[in-house]
Amino acid sequence: MPTAKKRARIQATEIDVGKRTLESVLIDLAEQIKSNDARSAMRSAQAEERSAQAEERSARAEERSVRAEELATVALQTIAAVSQDLRALTQELRSYVARTDGRLDALERTASTQS
């Protein structure tokens, strides 16, 4: 039976990385990861909040747009009705003017024949 080769275990405190031990490097990396994760979570929360605010502003803008379209439709309908009324009044006025001109012509003819 072949014997399994035993691996020697080396402690992280025994390995040097530059002027530091491997253990201290790994501890620093773990702290950096925690710090990065916390920053990432905070930024993610801020991004979600900004996204929610943007969606809210977009919804309000859409509501205002719909309301503005409704008001514009009412304004155009009102303008069309007023324009139609104005045309009717203009036609009525022209009719009165034509009748008045006819009466005036009749009066002038009567006056000229009597003189």
Protein backbone atom coordinates (compact mmCIF):
# COMPACT_ATOMS: atom_id res chain seq x y z
CA MET A 1 0.00 0.00 0.00
CA PRO A 2 1.45 3.24 -1.00
CA THR A 3 1.63 5.77 1.69
CA ALA A 4 0.03 9.09 1.09
CA LYS A 5 2.45 11.91 1.06
CA LYS A 6 1.78 14.23 3.96
CA ARG A 7 1.65 17.85 3.08
CA ALA A 8 3.32 20.19 5.37
CA ARG A 9 1.00 22.80 6.81
CA ILE A 10 2.28 26.30 6.72
CA GLN A 11 0.77 28.96 8.94
CA ALA A 12 -0.24 32.28 7.31
CA THR A 13 1.72 34.05 10.03
CA GLU A 14 4.87 32.37 8.75
CA ILE A 15 4.59 33.64 5.14
CA ASP A 16 5.86 37.09 4.34
CA VAL A 17 4.29 39.24 1.63
CA GLY A 18 6.62 42.13 1.18
CA LYS A 19 7.18 43.41 4.70
CA ARG A 20 3.90 41.97 6.02
CA THR A 21 2.66 38.53 6.89
CA LEU A 22 0.13 36.76 4.71
CA GLU A 23 -2.30 36.76 7.63
CA SER A 24 -2.28 40.56 7.94
CA VAL A 25 -2.70 40.92 4.16
CA LEU A 26 -5.72 38.59 4.23
CA ILE A 27 -7.22 40.45 7.21
CA ASP A 28 -6.81 43.77 5.35
CA LEU A 29 -8.41 42.28 2.24
CA ALA A 30 -11.36 40.99 4.27
CA GLU A 31 -11.85 44.45 5.80
CA GLN A 32 -11.64 46.03 2.35
CA ILE A 33 -14.26 43.61 1.05
CA LYS A 34 -16.59 44.48 3.94
CA SER A 35 -16.06 48.18 3.31
CA ASN A 36 -16.65 47.79 -0.43
CA ASP A 37 -19.79 45.73 0.20
CA ALA A 38 -21.15 48.40 2.57
CA ARG A 39 -20.42 51.16 0.05
CA SER A 40 -21.97 49.12 -2.73
CA ALA A 41 -25.11 48.49 -0.68
CA MET A 42 -25.38 52.19 0.16
CA ARG A 43 -24.93 53.21 -3.48
CA SER A 44 -27.45 50.61 -4.57
CA ALA A 45 -29.98 51.94 -2.05
CA GLN A 46 -29.35 55.50 -3.23
CA ALA A 47 -29.76 54.42 -6.85
CA GLU A 48 -33.04 52.69 -6.03
CA GLU A 49 -34.26 55.80 -4.22
CA ARG A 50 -33.33 58.02 -7.17
CA SER A 51 -35.03 55.59 -9.53
CA ALA A 52 -38.20 55.65 -7.42
CA GLN A 53 -38.12 59.46 -7.35
CA ALA A 54 -37.64 59.56 -11.12
CA GLU A 55 -40.58 57.20 -11.63
CA GLU A 56 -42.71 59.37 -9.35
CA ARG A 57 -41.73 62.53 -11.25
CA SER A 58 -42.44 60.76 -14.53
CA ALA A 59 -45.89 59.70 -13.33
CA ARG A 60 -46.68 63.26 -12.19
CA ALA A 61 -45.47 64.63 -15.53
CA GLU A 62 -47.63 62.13 -17.38
CA GLU A 63 -50.66 63.17 -15.30
CA ARG A 64 -49.96 66.83 -16.05
CA SER A 65 -49.58 66.00 -19.73
CA VAL A 66 -52.93 64.20 -19.82
CA ARG A 67 -54.58 67.12 -17.99
CA ALA A 68 -52.97 69.61 -20.40
CA GLU A 69 -54.26 67.61 -23.37
CA GLU A 70 -57.76 67.62 -21.87
CA LEU A 71 -57.60 71.38 -21.29
CA ALA A 72 -56.27 71.95 -24.80
CA THR A 73 -59.18 69.93 -26.22
CA VAL A 74 -61.68 71.98 -24.21
CA ALA A 75 -59.95 75.20 -25.31
CA LEU A 76 -60.09 74.17 -28.97
CA GLN A 77 -63.75 73.21 -28.68
CA THR A 78 -64.47 76.57 -27.03
CA ILE A 79 -62.58 78.43 -29.76
CA ALA A 80 -64.50 76.51 -32.44
CA ALA A 81 -67.84 77.35 -30.77
CA VAL A 82 -66.91 81.03 -30.38
CA SER A 83 -65.72 81.13 -33.99
CA GLN A 84 -69.00 79.60 -35.15
CA ASP A 85 -70.95 82.13 -33.07
CA LEU A 86 -68.86 84.96 -34.51
CA ARG A 87 -69.56 83.77 -38.06
CA ALA A 88 -73.28 83.62 -37.30
CA LEU A 89 -73.20 87.12 -35.80
CA THR A 90 -71.23 88.40 -38.79
CA GLN A 91 -73.78 86.90 -41.17
CA GLU A 92 -76.62 88.36 -39.12
CA LEU A 93 -74.93 91.79 -39.12
CA ARG A 94 -74.44 91.62 -42.90
CA SER A 95 -78.10 90.78 -43.26
CA TYR A 96 -79.04 93.81 -41.10
CA VAL A 97 -76.70 96.01 -43.13
CA ALA A 98 -78.23 94.80 -46.39
CA ARG A 99 -81.76 95.48 -45.11
CA THR A 100 -80.70 98.88 -43.76
CA ASP A 101 -79.07 99.73 -47.10
CA GLY A 102 -82.26 98.69 -48.88
CA ARG A 103 -84.38 100.88 -46.60
CA LEU A 104 -81.97 103.79 -46.97
CA ASP A 105 -82.05 103.45 -50.76
CA ALA A 106 -85.85 103.41 -50.65
CA LEU A 107 -85.87 106.54 -48.47
CA GLU A 108 -83.41 108.29 -50.77
CA ARG A 109 -85.50 107.42 -53.83
CA THR A 110 -88.61 108.69 -52.10
CA ALA A 111 -86.86 111.87 -51.02
CA SER A 112 -85.47 112.50 -54.50
CA THR A 113 -88.84 112.02 -56.17
CA GLN A 114 -90.50 114.43 -53.74
CA SER A 115 -88.07 117.20 -54.30
